[in-house]
Amino acid sequence: MPQRALAVVLLAALLLAVAAWWRWPSNAAALDCPDGQVSLDDGGVARCGSGAPLPAGQALTVGQKLDLNAVTAEDLALLPGVGPELARTLVDERTRLGGFTSWDQVDAVSGVGPARLETLQQACALGPH
């Protein structure tokens, strides 16, 4: 009987592991649209095509990057490890430079270290300024 109970427990654990792996969220974009083509329809649902631009939080959720040369300090502060103070510093430096043209300029901003730079690079793009 103990061997049978152990087999049942192991089988249950294996099934749970497979189910968790199969349902685990991926890093793929939630919508399969070309960059910049996700927008909100009149009902507030994200769709491919024309409509209102997505708020920053929703844009990140569907796999879009924020434009570091256009995003507000409030939206930048939503990124992990950025916060309101660094977000304001980034926007101030962006204004002073007339826009960021390279990630080296972003890295030179006080408060941006390797980890924050990586976060910014994953969540943002350097759009035209």
C-alpha atoms as a PDB file:
ATOM      1  CA  MET A   1       0.000   0.000   0.000  1.00  0.00           C
ATOM      2  CA  PRO A   2       2.751   2.582   0.760  1.00  0.00           C
ATOM      3  CA  GLN A   3       4.236   2.026  -2.707  1.00  0.00           C
ATOM      4  CA  ARG A   4       0.861   2.617  -4.305  1.00  0.00           C
ATOM      5  CA  ALA A   5       0.351   5.836  -2.312  1.00  0.00           C
ATOM      6  CA  LEU A   6       3.812   7.028  -3.299  1.00  0.00           C
ATOM      7  CA  ALA A   7       3.058   6.302  -6.958  1.00  0.00           C
ATOM      8  CA  VAL A   8      -0.198   8.297  -6.744  1.00  0.00           C
ATOM      9  CA  VAL A   9       1.581  11.246  -5.117  1.00  0.00           C
ATOM     10  CA  LEU A  10       4.353  11.184  -7.738  1.00  0.00           C
ATOM     11  CA  LEU A  11       1.828  10.977 -10.569  1.00  0.00           C
ATOM     12  CA  ALA A  12      -0.136  13.898  -9.123  1.00  0.00           C
ATOM     13  CA  ALA A  13       3.052  15.958  -8.770  1.00  0.00           C
ATOM     14  CA  LEU A  14       4.011  15.163 -12.364  1.00  0.00           C
ATOM     15  CA  LEU A  15       0.576  16.192 -13.630  1.00  0.00           C
ATOM     16  CA  LEU A  16       0.747  19.465 -11.677  1.00  0.00           C
ATOM     17  CA  ALA A  17       4.218  20.199 -13.043  1.00  0.00           C
ATOM     18  CA  VAL A  18       3.090  19.595 -16.635  1.00  0.00           C
ATOM     19  CA  ALA A  19      -0.042  21.712 -16.135  1.00  0.00           C
ATOM     20  CA  ALA A  20       1.991  24.576 -14.634  1.00  0.00           C
ATOM     21  CA  TRP A  21       4.544  24.441 -17.445  1.00  0.00           C
ATOM     22  CA  TRP A  22       1.854  24.336 -20.129  1.00  0.00           C
ATOM     23  CA  ARG A  23      -0.058  27.293 -18.677  1.00  0.00           C
ATOM     24  CA  TRP A  24       2.941  29.386 -17.620  1.00  0.00           C
ATOM     25  CA  PRO A  25       2.773  32.914 -19.104  1.00  0.00           C
ATOM     26  CA  SER A  26       5.119  33.576 -21.970  1.00  0.00           C
ATOM     27  CA  ASN A  27       7.040  36.728 -22.851  1.00  0.00           C
ATOM     28  CA  ALA A  28       5.338  36.861 -26.241  1.00  0.00           C
ATOM     29  CA  ALA A  29       3.189  39.871 -27.028  1.00  0.00           C
ATOM     30  CA  ALA A  30      -0.463  39.406 -26.097  1.00  0.00           C
ATOM     31  CA  LEU A  31      -1.546  40.623 -29.548  1.00  0.00           C
ATOM     32  CA  ASP A  32       0.200  39.688 -32.772  1.00  0.00           C
ATOM     33  CA  CYS A  33       0.295  43.170 -34.319  1.00  0.00           C
ATOM     34  CA  PRO A  34       3.157  45.060 -35.954  1.00  0.00           C
ATOM     35  CA  ASP A  35       4.928  47.502 -33.627  1.00  0.00           C
ATOM     36  CA  GLY A  36       2.824  50.553 -32.918  1.00  0.00           C
ATOM     37  CA  GLN A  37      -0.368  49.056 -34.368  1.00  0.00           C
ATOM     38  CA  VAL A  38      -2.105  48.163 -31.096  1.00  0.00           C
ATOM     39  CA  SER A  39      -4.741  50.691 -30.049  1.00  0.00           C
ATOM     40  CA  LEU A  40      -7.962  50.943 -28.074  1.00  0.00           C
ATOM     41  CA  ASP A  41     -11.346  50.658 -29.752  1.00  0.00           C
ATOM     42  CA  ASP A  42     -14.393  52.650 -28.591  1.00  0.00           C
ATOM     43  CA  GLY A  43     -15.110  50.043 -25.908  1.00  0.00           C
ATOM     44  CA  GLY A  44     -11.595  50.296 -24.461  1.00  0.00           C
ATOM     45  CA  VAL A  45     -10.476  46.918 -25.812  1.00  0.00           C
ATOM     46  CA  ALA A  46      -6.975  46.576 -27.265  1.00  0.00           C
ATOM     47  CA  ARG A  47      -7.056  45.722 -30.979  1.00  0.00           C
ATOM     48  CA  CYS A  48      -4.767  45.801 -33.977  1.00  0.00           C
ATOM     49  CA  GLY A  49      -5.256  48.858 -36.182  1.00  0.00           C
ATOM     50  CA  SER A  50      -6.538  52.378 -35.730  1.00  0.00           C
ATOM     51  CA  GLY A  51      -7.943  53.804 -32.534  1.00  0.00           C
ATOM     52  CA  ALA A  52      -6.754  55.603 -29.413  1.00  0.00           C
ATOM     53  CA  PRO A  53      -3.166  54.995 -28.292  1.00  0.00           C
ATOM     54  CA  LEU A  54      -2.781  52.576 -25.412  1.00  0.00           C
ATOM     55  CA  PRO A  55      -1.947  53.933 -21.967  1.00  0.00           C
ATOM     56  CA  ALA A  56       1.606  53.026 -20.946  1.00  0.00           C
ATOM     57  CA  GLY A  57       0.619  50.185 -18.619  1.00  0.00           C
ATOM     58  CA  GLN A  58      -1.526  48.517 -21.252  1.00  0.00           C
ATOM     59  CA  ALA A  59       1.082  49.059 -23.963  1.00  0.00           C
ATOM     60  CA  LEU A  60       3.649  47.219 -21.849  1.00  0.00           C
ATOM     61  CA  THR A  61       1.152  44.436 -21.147  1.00  0.00           C
ATOM     62  CA  VAL A  62       0.626  43.724 -24.840  1.00  0.00           C
ATOM     63  CA  GLY A  63       4.352  43.776 -25.557  1.00  0.00           C
ATOM     64  CA  GLN A  64       4.789  47.296 -26.904  1.00  0.00           C
ATOM     65  CA  LYS A  65       7.735  49.424 -25.893  1.00  0.00           C
ATOM     66  CA  LEU A  66       7.352  52.957 -24.597  1.00  0.00           C
ATOM     67  CA  ASP A  67       9.079  55.736 -26.521  1.00  0.00           C
ATOM     68  CA  LEU A  68      11.656  57.066 -24.068  1.00  0.00           C
ATOM     69  CA  ASN A  69      11.725  60.326 -26.038  1.00  0.00           C
ATOM     70  CA  ALA A  70       7.976  60.880 -25.608  1.00  0.00           C
ATOM     71  CA  VAL A  71       6.808  59.038 -22.467  1.00  0.00           C
ATOM     72  CA  THR A  72       5.733  61.055 -19.433  1.00  0.00           C
ATOM     73  CA  ALA A  73       7.524  60.916 -16.098  1.00  0.00           C
ATOM     74  CA  GLU A  74       4.369  59.438 -14.577  1.00  0.00           C
ATOM     75  CA  ASP A  75       4.412  56.558 -17.047  1.00  0.00           C
ATOM     76  CA  LEU A  76       8.168  55.987 -16.647  1.00  0.00           C
ATOM     77  CA  ALA A  77       7.667  55.764 -12.899  1.00  0.00           C
ATOM     78  CA  LEU A  78       5.513  52.651 -13.493  1.00  0.00           C
ATOM     79  CA  LEU A  79       8.581  50.661 -14.555  1.00  0.00           C
ATOM     80  CA  PRO A  80      10.140  48.436 -11.882  1.00  0.00           C
ATOM     81  CA  GLY A  81      13.057  50.141 -10.171  1.00  0.00           C
ATOM     82  CA  VAL A  82      12.502  53.519 -11.817  1.00  0.00           C
ATOM     83  CA  GLY A  83      10.162  55.425  -9.505  1.00  0.00           C
ATOM     84  CA  PRO A  84       9.077  59.071  -9.656  1.00  0.00           C
ATOM     85  CA  GLU A  85      12.440  60.695  -8.862  1.00  0.00           C
ATOM     86  CA  LEU A  86      14.454  58.881 -11.549  1.00  0.00           C
ATOM     87  CA  ALA A  87      11.578  59.278 -14.014  1.00  0.00           C
ATOM     88  CA  ARG A  88      11.618  63.061 -13.506  1.00  0.00           C
ATOM     89  CA  THR A  89      15.432  63.098 -13.830  1.00  0.00           C
ATOM     90  CA  LEU A  90      15.209  61.156 -17.118  1.00  0.00           C
ATOM     91  CA  VAL A  91      12.575  63.514 -18.523  1.00  0.00           C
ATOM     92  CA  ASP A  92      14.595  66.569 -17.439  1.00  0.00           C
ATOM     93  CA  GLU A  93      17.753  65.194 -19.078  1.00  0.00           C
ATOM     94  CA  ARG A  94      15.796  64.267 -22.209  1.00  0.00           C
ATOM     95  CA  THR A  95      14.511  67.847 -22.409  1.00  0.00           C
ATOM     96  CA  ARG A  96      18.006  69.275 -21.856  1.00  0.00           C
ATOM     97  CA  LEU A  97      19.463  67.092 -24.637  1.00  0.00           C
ATOM     98  CA  GLY A  98      16.557  67.580 -27.006  1.00  0.00           C
ATOM     99  CA  GLY A  99      15.929  63.828 -26.834  1.00  0.00           C
ATOM    100  CA  PHE A 100      18.050  60.750 -26.270  1.00  0.00           C
ATOM    101  CA  THR A 101      19.929  59.556 -29.347  1.00  0.00           C
ATOM    102  CA  SER A 102      21.766  56.626 -27.714  1.00  0.00           C
ATOM    103  CA  TRP A 103      21.544  54.341 -24.711  1.00  0.00           C
ATOM    104  CA  ASP A 104      24.926  55.711 -23.597  1.00  0.00           C
ATOM    105  CA  GLN A 105      23.191  59.057 -22.970  1.00  0.00           C
ATOM    106  CA  VAL A 106      20.541  57.294 -20.895  1.00  0.00           C
ATOM    107  CA  ASP A 107      23.226  55.372 -18.985  1.00  0.00           C
ATOM    108  CA  ALA A 108      24.965  58.675 -18.146  1.00  0.00           C
ATOM    109  CA  VAL A 109      21.871  59.980 -16.316  1.00  0.00           C
ATOM    110  CA  SER A 110      22.408  60.097 -12.565  1.00  0.00           C
ATOM    111  CA  GLY A 111      20.611  57.167 -10.934  1.00  0.00           C
ATOM    112  CA  VAL A 112      20.698  54.893 -13.983  1.00  0.00           C
ATOM    113  CA  GLY A 113      22.947  51.914 -13.354  1.00  0.00           C
ATOM    114  CA  PRO A 114      23.278  48.607 -15.177  1.00  0.00           C
ATOM    115  CA  ALA A 115      20.060  47.085 -13.793  1.00  0.00           C
ATOM    116  CA  ARG A 116      17.928  50.162 -14.450  1.00  0.00           C
ATOM    117  CA  LEU A 117      19.434  50.602 -17.902  1.00  0.00           C
ATOM    118  CA  GLU A 118      18.485  47.009 -18.727  1.00  0.00           C
ATOM    119  CA  THR A 119      14.937  47.618 -17.467  1.00  0.00           C
ATOM    120  CA  LEU A 120      14.676  50.760 -19.595  1.00  0.00           C
ATOM    121  CA  GLN A 121      16.057  48.997 -22.675  1.00  0.00           C
ATOM    122  CA  GLN A 122      13.555  46.144 -22.300  1.00  0.00           C
ATOM    123  CA  ALA A 123      10.562  48.443 -21.773  1.00  0.00           C
ATOM    124  CA  CYS A 124      11.476  51.419 -23.971  1.00  0.00           C
ATOM    125  CA  ALA A 125      12.707  52.350 -27.409  1.00  0.00           C
ATOM    126  CA  LEU A 126      14.531  55.504 -28.458  1.00  0.00           C
ATOM    127  CA  GLY A 127      12.038  56.986 -30.887  1.00  0.00           C
ATOM    128  CA  PRO A 128      12.613  60.047 -33.051  1.00  0.00           C
ATOM    129  CA  HIS A 129      13.092  63.243 -31.104  1.00  0.00           C
END
